[in-house]
Amino acid sequence: MSVIRRMSSALVAVLALLATSLPTLAQEKIRLGLIPISEALGAVIADREGFFKAEGLAVDITKFESGATAVPVLQSGRLDVALSNTVSTLQAIGQGLDAVVLAPGAVVRSAPPDTTTALIALKDNIKSIKDLEGKRIAVNVINSSAWLHAVAALDQHGVDWHKVRFVEVPFPQMNDPLLNGQVDAVVQVDPFRSALMATGKAEILSWTYVETAPGTDITQYIALGPWAQKNHDTAVKFARAVMKGSQFAGTNEAATRDINLAWTGLNPAFKDKVLLPQLGTSVNIAAMAKTMELMQKFGLLKEPIDISKRVLAVP
């Protein structure tokens, strides 16, 4: 064997030895619960665009119908982080849950249209919001965020909401019951609202969030306090990646629409027509306090909560 060949063989052996002896950088794992709506795009984009991976995180995503269904799973320890809405978050804390807000989700726009809920009825069936007294209105979950802002909007328009019959229907399945006359109105979000309005058979009676809580944080990513304390650096990395996802959505509309299509299961015909949510890049504590006031007014919260002590500081 020539000298050069012997040197080459020795070099290969050394490199192989180094490769086996170098430590591998293990990714930190996070079990994340999300809702299949556009408001989850901050985390979904962070996953699909590699922002979590860049932070050294491996995220396992599970879908839930609502924040109200995800929070109990978080509490049981089967999730590390969950996308919740402000109402579910504050309700859980009020009932004793030690929860910390890691990052913002979606934010209500100050004027319509918005991706948050709209109160919608069939054309000519309901002439005014006042006509909804005694009628059936579909919401995703009773006593949820969507329910609260619908009730607040009804009350704001002089409707006795106690005389309204609310029925629970998941957002993706909500349009057909309205079109088939099984309910008189729906409290619907995008992208499903856009699909409903495209039929030409429905009209919007109220933009419930915009009317009752403009500029307010409506969703956020939460974790249990003990987990956030024990895994502080991991929590910060998660929050940082989600905020990068939100920033990406604000500057890359075409790519965000593609991701939204895949995530929500939207009809491809509406991919470029639906309104994308306004995503937050910092937690708005003052805005969450306004939602707390509504919750107290309509019986969803007994005592006020000091939210400032429950928000993760992200450098």
C-alpha atoms as a PDB file:
ATOM      1  CA  MET A   1       0.000   0.000   0.000  1.00  0.00           C
ATOM      2  CA  SER A   2       1.442   3.406  -0.947  1.00  0.00           C
ATOM      3  CA  VAL A   3       2.193   6.085   1.668  1.00  0.00           C
ATOM      4  CA  ILE A   4      -0.655   8.286   0.365  1.00  0.00           C
ATOM      5  CA  ARG A   5      -3.172   5.456   0.558  1.00  0.00           C
ATOM      6  CA  ARG A   6      -2.045   4.590   4.096  1.00  0.00           C
ATOM      7  CA  MET A   7      -2.459   8.261   5.132  1.00  0.00           C
ATOM      8  CA  SER A   8      -5.918   8.427   3.534  1.00  0.00           C
ATOM      9  CA  SER A   9      -7.050   5.295   5.343  1.00  0.00           C
ATOM     10  CA  ALA A  10      -5.749   6.656   8.640  1.00  0.00           C
ATOM     11  CA  LEU A  11      -7.557   9.986   8.091  1.00  0.00           C
ATOM     12  CA  VAL A  12     -10.850   8.235   7.389  1.00  0.00           C
ATOM     13  CA  ALA A  13     -10.461   6.186  10.555  1.00  0.00           C
ATOM     14  CA  VAL A  14      -9.764   9.288  12.642  1.00  0.00           C
ATOM     15  CA  LEU A  15     -12.768  11.150  11.216  1.00  0.00           C
ATOM     16  CA  ALA A  16     -15.005   8.152  11.897  1.00  0.00           C
ATOM     17  CA  LEU A  17     -13.766   8.003  15.487  1.00  0.00           C
ATOM     18  CA  LEU A  18     -14.429  11.726  15.980  1.00  0.00           C
ATOM     19  CA  ALA A  19     -17.918  11.397  14.508  1.00  0.00           C
ATOM     20  CA  THR A  20     -18.843   8.674  16.968  1.00  0.00           C
ATOM     21  CA  SER A  21     -17.351  10.487  19.955  1.00  0.00           C
ATOM     22  CA  LEU A  22     -18.868  13.967  19.338  1.00  0.00           C
ATOM     23  CA  PRO A  23     -22.075  14.563  21.345  1.00  0.00           C
ATOM     24  CA  THR A  24     -25.291  14.982  19.371  1.00  0.00           C
ATOM     25  CA  LEU A  25     -27.413  18.040  20.099  1.00  0.00           C
ATOM     26  CA  ALA A  26     -30.714  16.613  21.338  1.00  0.00           C
ATOM     27  CA  GLN A  27     -33.788  18.712  20.650  1.00  0.00           C
ATOM     28  CA  GLU A  28     -35.974  19.696  23.584  1.00  0.00           C
ATOM     29  CA  LYS A  29     -39.448  18.236  23.138  1.00  0.00           C
ATOM     30  CA  ILE A  30     -42.694  20.162  23.650  1.00  0.00           C
ATOM     31  CA  ARG A  31     -46.196  18.692  23.497  1.00  0.00           C
ATOM     32  CA  LEU A  32     -48.362  21.450  22.021  1.00  0.00           C
ATOM     33  CA  GLY A  33     -52.157  21.598  21.782  1.00  0.00           C
ATOM     34  CA  LEU A  34     -53.596  23.755  18.981  1.00  0.00           C
ATOM     35  CA  ILE A  35     -57.010  24.586  17.497  1.00  0.00           C
ATOM     36  CA  PRO A  36     -57.429  24.069  13.701  1.00  0.00           C
ATOM     37  CA  ILE A  37     -58.204  27.727  13.000  1.00  0.00           C
ATOM     38  CA  SER A  38     -56.141  30.566  11.577  1.00  0.00           C
ATOM     39  CA  GLU A  39     -55.414  32.055  14.993  1.00  0.00           C
ATOM     40  CA  ALA A  40     -52.928  29.219  15.597  1.00  0.00           C
ATOM     41  CA  LEU A  41     -50.753  30.293  12.649  1.00  0.00           C
ATOM     42  CA  GLY A  42     -47.992  31.767  14.810  1.00  0.00           C
ATOM     43  CA  ALA A  43     -47.050  28.317  16.121  1.00  0.00           C
ATOM     44  CA  VAL A  44     -47.936  26.475  12.904  1.00  0.00           C
ATOM     45  CA  ILE A  45     -45.636  28.744  10.888  1.00  0.00           C
ATOM     46  CA  ALA A  46     -42.911  28.385  13.518  1.00  0.00           C
ATOM     47  CA  ASP A  47     -43.147  24.624  13.060  1.00  0.00           C
ATOM     48  CA  ARG A  48     -43.293  24.560   9.256  1.00  0.00           C
ATOM     49  CA  GLU A  49     -40.718  27.292   8.643  1.00  0.00           C
ATOM     50  CA  GLY A  50     -38.198  25.768  11.043  1.00  0.00           C
ATOM     51  CA  PHE A  51     -38.286  28.452  13.755  1.00  0.00           C
ATOM     52  CA  PHE A  52     -38.827  25.842  16.481  1.00  0.00           C
ATOM     53  CA  LYS A  53     -36.017  23.717  15.103  1.00  0.00           C
ATOM     54  CA  ALA A  54     -33.695  26.722  15.012  1.00  0.00           C
ATOM     55  CA  GLU A  55     -34.353  27.169  18.733  1.00  0.00           C
ATOM     56  CA  GLY A  56     -33.520  23.515  19.367  1.00  0.00           C
ATOM     57  CA  LEU A  57     -37.136  22.482  19.891  1.00  0.00           C
ATOM     58  CA  ALA A  58     -39.019  19.452  18.610  1.00  0.00           C
ATOM     59  CA  VAL A  59     -42.754  20.183  18.838  1.00  0.00           C
ATOM     60  CA  ASP A  60     -45.426  17.474  18.798  1.00  0.00           C
ATOM     61  CA  ILE A  61     -48.757  19.094  17.818  1.00  0.00           C
ATOM     62  CA  THR A  62     -52.200  17.754  18.796  1.00  0.00           C
ATOM     63  CA  LYS A  63     -55.422  19.358  17.516  1.00  0.00           C
ATOM     64  CA  PHE A  64     -58.348  20.271  19.793  1.00  0.00           C
ATOM     65  CA  GLU A  65     -61.779  21.712  19.008  1.00  0.00           C
ATOM     66  CA  SER A  66     -61.330  24.660  21.377  1.00  0.00           C
ATOM     67  CA  GLY A  67     -59.165  26.142  24.078  1.00  0.00           C
ATOM     68  CA  ALA A  68     -61.798  25.032  26.576  1.00  0.00           C
ATOM     69  CA  THR A  69     -61.074  21.394  25.657  1.00  0.00           C
ATOM     70  CA  ALA A  70     -57.285  21.812  25.493  1.00  0.00           C
ATOM     71  CA  VAL A  71     -56.813  23.431  28.910  1.00  0.00           C
ATOM     72  CA  PRO A  72     -58.006  20.373  30.922  1.00  0.00           C
ATOM     73  CA  VAL A  73     -55.522  18.209  29.004  1.00  0.00           C
ATOM     74  CA  LEU A  74     -52.791  20.724  29.823  1.00  0.00           C
ATOM     75  CA  GLN A  75     -53.825  20.588  33.459  1.00  0.00           C
ATOM     76  CA  SER A  76     -53.594  16.786  33.431  1.00  0.00           C
ATOM     77  CA  GLY A  77     -49.958  16.988  32.349  1.00  0.00           C
ATOM     78  CA  ARG A  78     -50.502  15.439  28.924  1.00  0.00           C
ATOM     79  CA  LEU A  79     -49.588  18.721  27.207  1.00  0.00           C
ATOM     80  CA  ASP A  80     -46.756  21.166  27.918  1.00  0.00           C
ATOM     81  CA  VAL A  81     -48.242  24.157  26.093  1.00  0.00           C
ATOM     82  CA  ALA A  82     -51.736  24.880  24.779  1.00  0.00           C
ATOM     83  CA  LEU A  83     -53.291  27.569  22.621  1.00  0.00           C
ATOM     84  CA  SER A  84     -56.094  28.927  24.745  1.00  0.00           C
ATOM     85  CA  ASN A  85     -58.393  31.904  24.520  1.00  0.00           C
ATOM     86  CA  THR A  86     -58.375  34.647  27.117  1.00  0.00           C
ATOM     87  CA  VAL A  87     -61.692  33.527  28.595  1.00  0.00           C
ATOM     88  CA  SER A  88     -60.637  29.904  29.047  1.00  0.00           C
ATOM     89  CA  THR A  89     -57.263  31.010  30.413  1.00  0.00           C
ATOM     90  CA  LEU A  90     -58.728  33.375  33.007  1.00  0.00           C
ATOM     91  CA  GLN A  91     -61.494  30.928  33.944  1.00  0.00           C
ATOM     92  CA  ALA A  92     -58.938  28.204  34.588  1.00  0.00           C
ATOM     93  CA  ILE A  93     -56.736  30.537  36.663  1.00  0.00           C
ATOM     94  CA  GLY A  94     -59.797  31.711  38.585  1.00  0.00           C
ATOM     95  CA  GLN A  95     -60.558  28.080  39.422  1.00  0.00           C
ATOM     96  CA  GLY A  96     -57.056  27.523  40.768  1.00  0.00           C
ATOM     97  CA  LEU A  97     -54.973  26.596  37.721  1.00  0.00           C
ATOM     98  CA  ASP A  98     -51.369  27.806  38.063  1.00  0.00           C
ATOM     99  CA  ALA A  99     -50.915  28.959  34.459  1.00  0.00           C
ATOM    100  CA  VAL A 100     -48.397  31.229  32.742  1.00  0.00           C
ATOM    101  CA  VAL A 101     -48.898  33.065  29.433  1.00  0.00           C
ATOM    102  CA  LEU A 102     -45.903  32.362  27.185  1.00  0.00           C
ATOM    103  CA  ALA A 103     -46.784  34.212  23.987  1.00  0.00           C
ATOM    104  CA  PRO A 104     -49.685  35.990  22.264  1.00  0.00           C
ATOM    105  CA  GLY A 105     -51.903  34.437  19.642  1.00  0.00           C
ATOM    106  CA  ALA A 106     -54.380  36.572  17.686  1.00  0.00           C
ATOM    107  CA  VAL A 107     -55.440  40.163  18.305  1.00  0.00           C
ATOM    108  CA  VAL A 108     -58.830  41.749  17.559  1.00  0.00           C
ATOM    109  CA  ARG A 109     -58.716  44.425  14.861  1.00  0.00           C
ATOM    110  CA  SER A 110     -60.017  47.867  15.728  1.00  0.00           C
ATOM    111  CA  ALA A 111     -62.507  47.843  12.821  1.00  0.00           C
ATOM    112  CA  PRO A 112     -64.191  45.140  10.703  1.00  0.00           C
ATOM    113  CA  PRO A 113     -63.676  42.945   8.883  1.00  0.00           C
ATOM    114  CA  ASP A 114     -61.771  40.662  11.217  1.00  0.00           C
ATOM    115  CA  THR A 115     -61.052  36.957  11.534  1.00  0.00           C
ATOM    116  CA  THR A 116     -62.692  36.893  14.955  1.00  0.00           C
ATOM    117  CA  THR A 117     -66.318  35.923  15.285  1.00  0.00           C
ATOM    118  CA  ALA A 118     -69.183  37.502  13.422  1.00  0.00           C
ATOM    119  CA  LEU A 119     -72.828  36.958  14.311  1.00  0.00           C
ATOM    120  CA  ILE A 120     -74.412  35.747  11.071  1.00  0.00           C
ATOM    121  CA  ALA A 121     -77.984  34.935  10.021  1.00  0.00           C
ATOM    122  CA  LEU A 122     -79.656  33.970   6.750  1.00  0.00           C
ATOM    123  CA  LYS A 123     -80.789  36.904   4.669  1.00  0.00           C
ATOM    124  CA  ASP A 124     -84.395  37.966   5.304  1.00  0.00           C
ATOM    125  CA  ASN A 125     -84.803  35.459   8.160  1.00  0.00           C
ATOM    126  CA  ILE A 126     -83.667  37.883  10.850  1.00  0.00           C
ATOM    127  CA  LYS A 127     -84.344  41.561  10.175  1.00  0.00           C
ATOM    128  CA  SER A 128     -82.469  42.929  13.183  1.00  0.00           C
ATOM    129  CA  ILE A 129     -80.404  41.657  16.087  1.00  0.00           C
ATOM    130  CA  LYS A 130     -83.384  42.280  18.348  1.00  0.00           C
ATOM    131  CA  ASP A 131     -85.229  39.530  16.457  1.00  0.00           C
ATOM    132  CA  LEU A 132     -82.780  36.969  17.897  1.00  0.00           C
ATOM    133  CA  GLU A 133     -84.596  36.885  21.228  1.00  0.00           C
ATOM    134  CA  GLY A 134     -86.101  33.418  21.546  1.00  0.00           C
ATOM    135  CA  LYS A 135     -84.021  32.101  18.630  1.00  0.00           C
ATOM    136  CA  ARG A 136     -81.286  29.451  18.354  1.00  0.00           C
ATOM    137  CA  ILE A 137     -77.679  30.632  17.976  1.00  0.00           C
ATOM    138  CA  ALA A 138     -74.780  28.252  17.378  1.00  0.00           C
ATOM    139  CA  VAL A 139     -71.492  28.819  19.223  1.00  0.00           C
ATOM    140  CA  ASN A 140     -68.487  26.514  19.363  1.00  0.00           C
ATOM    141  CA  VAL A 141     -68.648  26.198  23.165  1.00  0.00           C
ATOM    142  CA  ILE A 142     -71.105  27.781  25.621  1.00  0.00           C
ATOM    143  CA  ASN A 143     -69.340  29.987  28.204  1.00  0.00           C
ATOM    144  CA  SER A 144     -66.371  30.226  25.840  1.00  0.00           C
ATOM    145  CA  SER A 145     -64.677  33.320  24.431  1.00  0.00           C
ATOM    146  CA  ALA A 146     -66.911  33.280  21.338  1.00  0.00           C
ATOM    147  CA  TRP A 147     -69.985  32.951  23.564  1.00  0.00           C
ATOM    148  CA  LEU A 148     -68.906  35.802  25.853  1.00  0.00           C
ATOM    149  CA  HIS A 149     -68.355  38.319  23.078  1.00  0.00           C
ATOM    150  CA  ALA A 150     -71.582  37.263  21.366  1.00  0.00           C
ATOM    151  CA  VAL A 151     -73.498  37.809  24.605  1.00  0.00           C
ATOM    152  CA  ALA A 152     -71.745  41.149  25.132  1.00  0.00           C
ATOM    153  CA  ALA A 153     -72.671  42.236  21.598  1.00  0.00           C
ATOM    154  CA  LEU A 154     -76.294  41.150  22.055  1.00  0.00           C
ATOM    155  CA  ASP A 155     -76.449  43.051  25.334  1.00  0.00           C
ATOM    156  CA  GLN A 156     -74.881  46.091  23.679  1.00  0.00           C
ATOM    157  CA  HIS A 157     -77.663  46.020  21.062  1.00  0.00           C
ATOM    158  CA  GLY A 158     -80.383  45.800  23.715  1.00  0.00           C
ATOM    159  CA  VAL A 159     -81.094  42.079  23.272  1.00  0.00           C
ATOM    160  CA  ASP A 160     -82.089  40.076  26.345  1.00  0.00           C
ATOM    161  CA  TRP A 161     -79.503  37.334  25.864  1.00  0.00           C
ATOM    162  CA  HIS A 162     -81.159  35.212  28.557  1.00  0.00           C
ATOM    163  CA  LYS A 163     -83.958  34.631  26.026  1.00  0.00           C
ATOM    164  CA  VAL A 164     -81.545  33.260  23.401  1.00  0.00           C
ATOM    165  CA  ARG A 165     -81.063  29.510  23.071  1.00  0.00           C
ATOM    166  CA  PHE A 166     -77.370  28.761  22.487  1.00  0.00           C
ATOM    167  CA  VAL A 167     -76.382  25.410  20.976  1.00  0.00           C
ATOM    168  CA  GLU A 168     -72.857  24.022  20.672  1.00  0.00           C
ATOM    169  CA  VAL A 169     -71.508  23.283  17.180  1.00  0.00           C
ATOM    170  CA  PRO A 170     -67.777  23.168  16.240  1.00  0.00           C
ATOM    171  CA  PHE A 171     -66.687  25.971  13.901  1.00  0.00           C
ATOM    172  CA  PRO A 172     -65.935  23.675  10.915  1.00  0.00           C
ATOM    173  CA  GLN A 173     -69.442  22.128  11.102  1.00  0.00           C
ATOM    174  CA  MET A 174     -71.363  25.321  11.871  1.00  0.00           C
ATOM    175  CA  ASN A 175     -72.337  26.558   8.392  1.00  0.00           C
ATOM    176  CA  ASP A 176     -74.585  23.692   7.295  1.00  0.00           C
ATOM    177  CA  PRO A 177     -76.983  23.910  10.273  1.00  0.00           C
ATOM    178  CA  LEU A 178     -77.562  27.588   9.458  1.00  0.00           C
ATOM    179  CA  LEU A 179     -78.062  26.977   5.748  1.00  0.00           C
ATOM    180  CA  ASN A 180     -80.412  24.075   6.519  1.00  0.00           C
ATOM    181  CA  GLY A 181     -82.473  26.090   9.015  1.00  0.00           C
ATOM    182  CA  GLN A 182     -81.496  24.059  12.072  1.00  0.00           C
ATOM    183  CA  VAL A 183     -80.280  27.237  13.812  1.00  0.00           C
ATOM    184  CA  ASP A 184     -81.243  30.876  13.312  1.00  0.00           C
ATOM    185  CA  ALA A 185     -77.774  32.396  13.576  1.00  0.00           C
ATOM    186  CA  VAL A 186     -74.158  31.358  14.065  1.00  0.00           C
ATOM    187  CA  VAL A 187     -71.149  32.892  15.783  1.00  0.00           C
ATOM    188  CA  GLN A 188     -68.534  32.043  13.168  1.00  0.00           C
ATOM    189  CA  VAL A 189     -64.812  32.668  12.599  1.00  0.00           C
ATOM    190  CA  ASP A 190     -62.661  32.729   9.514  1.00  0.00           C
ATOM    191  CA  PRO A 191     -61.929  30.877   7.324  1.00  0.00           C
ATOM    192  CA  PHE A 192     -65.379  29.327   7.735  1.00  0.00           C
ATOM    193  CA  ARG A 193     -67.089  32.724   7.848  1.00  0.00           C
ATOM    194  CA  SER A 194     -65.719  33.569   4.394  1.00  0.00           C
ATOM    195  CA  ALA A 195     -66.980  30.269   3.031  1.00  0.00           C
ATOM    196  CA  LEU A 196     -70.422  30.946   4.484  1.00  0.00           C
ATOM    197  CA  MET A 197     -70.605  34.484   3.110  1.00  0.00           C
ATOM    198  CA  ALA A 198     -69.537  33.241  -0.321  1.00  0.00           C
ATOM    199  CA  THR A 199     -72.864  31.386  -0.601  1.00  0.00           C
ATOM    200  CA  GLY A 200     -74.620  34.754  -0.877  1.00  0.00           C
ATOM    201  CA  LYS A 201     -77.307  33.503   1.497  1.00  0.00           C
ATOM    202  CA  ALA A 202     -76.105  35.030   4.770  1.00  0.00           C
ATOM    203  CA  GLU A 203     -75.545  38.457   6.267  1.00  0.00           C
ATOM    204  CA  ILE A 204     -73.470  39.704   9.183  1.00  0.00           C
ATOM    205  CA  LEU A 205     -75.445  41.227  12.048  1.00  0.00           C
ATOM    206  CA  SER A 206     -72.490  42.036  14.286  1.00  0.00           C
ATOM    207  CA  TRP A 207     -68.696  41.738  14.435  1.00  0.00           C
ATOM    208  CA  THR A 208     -68.894  40.640  18.038  1.00  0.00           C
ATOM    209  CA  TYR A 209     -65.253  40.960  19.132  1.00  0.00           C
ATOM    210  CA  VAL A 210     -64.617  44.179  17.207  1.00  0.00           C
ATOM    211  CA  GLU A 211     -67.702  45.766  18.772  1.00  0.00           C
ATOM    212  CA  THR A 212     -67.009  44.659  22.329  1.00  0.00           C
ATOM    213  CA  ALA A 213     -63.202  44.339  22.632  1.00  0.00           C
ATOM    214  CA  PRO A 214     -61.246  46.084  19.832  1.00  0.00           C
ATOM    215  CA  GLY A 215     -57.474  45.654  20.041  1.00  0.00           C
ATOM    216  CA  THR A 216     -57.740  42.878  22.617  1.00  0.00           C
ATOM    217  CA  ASP A 217     -55.643  39.711  22.812  1.00  0.00           C
ATOM    218  CA  ILE A 218     -58.066  36.877  22.183  1.00  0.00           C
ATOM    219  CA  THR A 219     -55.771  33.857  22.218  1.00  0.00           C
ATOM    220  CA  GLN A 220     -52.471  33.022  23.855  1.00  0.00           C
ATOM    221  CA  TYR A 221     -50.108  30.103  24.426  1.00  0.00           C
ATOM    222  CA  ILE A 222     -50.122  28.982  28.052  1.00  0.00           C
ATOM    223  CA  ALA A 223     -48.227  26.496  30.192  1.00  0.00           C
ATOM    224  CA  LEU A 224     -48.487  25.353  33.780  1.00  0.00           C
ATOM    225  CA  GLY A 225     -46.481  27.485  36.197  1.00  0.00           C
ATOM    226  CA  PRO A 226     -44.325  24.616  37.532  1.00  0.00           C
ATOM    227  CA  TRP A 227     -43.449  23.510  33.977  1.00  0.00           C
ATOM    228  CA  ALA A 228     -42.550  27.057  32.914  1.00  0.00           C
ATOM    229  CA  GLN A 229     -40.391  27.504  36.005  1.00  0.00           C
ATOM    230  CA  LYS A 230     -38.592  24.176  35.588  1.00  0.00           C
ATOM    231  CA  ASN A 231     -38.183  24.643  31.822  1.00  0.00           C
ATOM    232  CA  HIS A 232     -37.722  28.414  31.737  1.00  0.00           C
ATOM    233  CA  ASP A 233     -35.205  28.473  28.866  1.00  0.00           C
ATOM    234  CA  THR A 234     -37.362  26.087  26.829  1.00  0.00           C
ATOM    235  CA  ALA A 235     -40.415  28.278  27.434  1.00  0.00           C
ATOM    236  CA  VAL A 236     -38.527  31.370  26.269  1.00  0.00           C
ATOM    237  CA  LYS A 237     -37.328  29.556  23.144  1.00  0.00           C
ATOM    238  CA  PHE A 238     -40.897  28.492  22.396  1.00  0.00           C
ATOM    239  CA  ALA A 239     -42.235  32.019  22.816  1.00  0.00           C
ATOM    240  CA  ARG A 240     -39.463  33.453  20.660  1.00  0.00           C
ATOM    241  CA  ALA A 241     -40.202  30.994  17.838  1.00  0.00           C
ATOM    242  CA  VAL A 242     -43.959  31.706  17.951  1.00  0.00           C
ATOM    243  CA  MET A 243     -43.355  35.445  17.770  1.00  0.00           C
ATOM    244  CA  LYS A 244     -41.092  34.872  14.760  1.00  0.00           C
ATOM    245  CA  GLY A 245     -43.980  32.948  13.215  1.00  0.00           C
ATOM    246  CA  SER A 246     -46.303  35.892  13.833  1.00  0.00           C
ATOM    247  CA  GLN A 247     -43.803  38.303  12.299  1.00  0.00           C
ATOM    248  CA  PHE A 248     -43.441  35.985   9.293  1.00  0.00           C
ATOM    249  CA  ALA A 249     -47.218  36.041   8.774  1.00  0.00           C
ATOM    250  CA  GLY A 250     -47.161  39.830   8.681  1.00  0.00           C
ATOM    251  CA  THR A 251     -44.575  39.998   5.905  1.00  0.00           C
ATOM    252  CA  ASN A 252     -45.105  36.811   3.869  1.00  0.00           C
ATOM    253  CA  GLU A 253     -48.766  36.714   2.912  1.00  0.00           C
ATOM    254  CA  ALA A 254     -48.529  34.213   0.040  1.00  0.00           C
ATOM    255  CA  ALA A 255     -46.633  31.616   2.084  1.00  0.00           C
ATOM    256  CA  THR A 256     -48.915  32.208   5.081  1.00  0.00           C
ATOM    257  CA  ARG A 257     -51.973  31.589   2.936  1.00  0.00           C
ATOM    258  CA  ASP A 258     -50.519  28.264   1.780  1.00  0.00           C
ATOM    259  CA  ILE A 259     -49.857  27.244   5.378  1.00  0.00           C
ATOM    260  CA  ASN A 260     -53.326  28.402   6.439  1.00  0.00           C
ATOM    261  CA  LEU A 261     -54.894  26.288   3.686  1.00  0.00           C
ATOM    262  CA  ALA A 262     -53.108  23.153   4.844  1.00  0.00           C
ATOM    263  CA  TRP A 263     -53.694  23.783   8.548  1.00  0.00           C
ATOM    264  CA  THR A 264     -57.406  24.646   8.507  1.00  0.00           C
ATOM    265  CA  GLY A 265     -58.500  22.297   5.716  1.00  0.00           C
ATOM    266  CA  LEU A 266     -59.961  25.279   3.904  1.00  0.00           C
ATOM    267  CA  ASN A 267     -61.550  24.826   0.487  1.00  0.00           C
ATOM    268  CA  PRO A 268     -58.715  25.717  -1.951  1.00  0.00           C
ATOM    269  CA  ALA A 269     -61.088  28.053  -3.780  1.00  0.00           C
ATOM    270  CA  PHE A 270     -60.955  30.375  -0.747  1.00  0.00           C
ATOM    271  CA  LYS A 271     -57.200  30.248  -0.155  1.00  0.00           C
ATOM    272  CA  ASP A 272     -56.568  33.777  -1.423  1.00  0.00           C
ATOM    273  CA  LYS A 273     -59.945  35.207  -0.416  1.00  0.00           C
ATOM    274  CA  VAL A 274     -60.123  34.651   3.344  1.00  0.00           C
ATOM    275  CA  LEU A 275     -58.909  37.308   5.737  1.00  0.00           C
ATOM    276  CA  LEU A 276     -55.831  36.286   7.689  1.00  0.00           C
ATOM    277  CA  PRO A 277     -55.741  37.002  11.431  1.00  0.00           C
ATOM    278  CA  GLN A 278     -53.822  39.807  13.044  1.00  0.00           C
ATOM    279  CA  LEU A 279     -51.204  38.031  15.154  1.00  0.00           C
ATOM    280  CA  GLY A 280     -49.635  39.544  18.244  1.00  0.00           C
ATOM    281  CA  THR A 281     -45.910  39.936  18.875  1.00  0.00           C
ATOM    282  CA  SER A 282     -46.181  40.743  22.598  1.00  0.00           C
ATOM    283  CA  VAL A 283     -48.729  39.974  25.318  1.00  0.00           C
ATOM    284  CA  ASN A 284     -51.131  42.886  25.869  1.00  0.00           C
ATOM    285  CA  ILE A 285     -51.858  42.729  29.602  1.00  0.00           C
ATOM    286  CA  ALA A 286     -54.123  45.788  29.632  1.00  0.00           C
ATOM    287  CA  ALA A 287     -56.273  44.361  26.840  1.00  0.00           C
ATOM    288  CA  MET A 288     -56.654  41.043  28.654  1.00  0.00           C
ATOM    289  CA  ALA A 289     -57.866  43.015  31.675  1.00  0.00           C
ATOM    290  CA  LYS A 290     -60.723  44.402  29.559  1.00  0.00           C
ATOM    291  CA  THR A 291     -61.836  40.861  28.736  1.00  0.00           C
ATOM    292  CA  MET A 292     -61.682  40.101  32.451  1.00  0.00           C
ATOM    293  CA  GLU A 293     -64.166  42.929  33.077  1.00  0.00           C
ATOM    294  CA  LEU A 294     -66.594  41.421  30.540  1.00  0.00           C
ATOM    295  CA  MET A 295     -66.218  38.022  32.168  1.00  0.00           C
ATOM    296  CA  GLN A 296     -67.114  39.456  35.553  1.00  0.00           C
ATOM    297  CA  LYS A 297     -70.115  41.278  34.085  1.00  0.00           C
ATOM    298  CA  PHE A 298     -71.562  38.145  32.462  1.00  0.00           C
ATOM    299  CA  GLY A 299     -70.800  35.692  35.260  1.00  0.00           C
ATOM    300  CA  LEU A 300     -67.740  33.872  33.945  1.00  0.00           C
ATOM    301  CA  LEU A 301     -65.316  35.143  36.574  1.00  0.00           C
ATOM    302  CA  LYS A 302     -65.898  35.989  40.242  1.00  0.00           C
ATOM    303  CA  GLU A 303     -62.732  37.817  41.244  1.00  0.00           C
ATOM    304  CA  PRO A 304     -60.201  39.876  39.231  1.00  0.00           C
ATOM    305  CA  ILE A 305     -56.788  38.322  38.499  1.00  0.00           C
ATOM    306  CA  ASP A 306     -53.394  40.038  38.483  1.00  0.00           C
ATOM    307  CA  ILE A 307     -52.342  38.972  34.982  1.00  0.00           C
ATOM    308  CA  SER A 308     -49.025  40.841  35.132  1.00  0.00           C
ATOM    309  CA  LYS A 309     -47.640  38.157  37.454  1.00  0.00           C
ATOM    310  CA  ARG A 310     -48.564  35.419  34.986  1.00  0.00           C
ATOM    311  CA  VAL A 311     -46.806  36.532  31.805  1.00  0.00           C
ATOM    312  CA  LEU A 312     -43.431  35.087  30.799  1.00  0.00           C
ATOM    313  CA  ALA A 313     -40.709  37.690  30.304  1.00  0.00           C
ATOM    314  CA  VAL A 314     -39.166  37.099  26.876  1.00  0.00           C
ATOM    315  CA  PRO A 315     -35.873  38.952  26.277  1.00  0.00           C
END
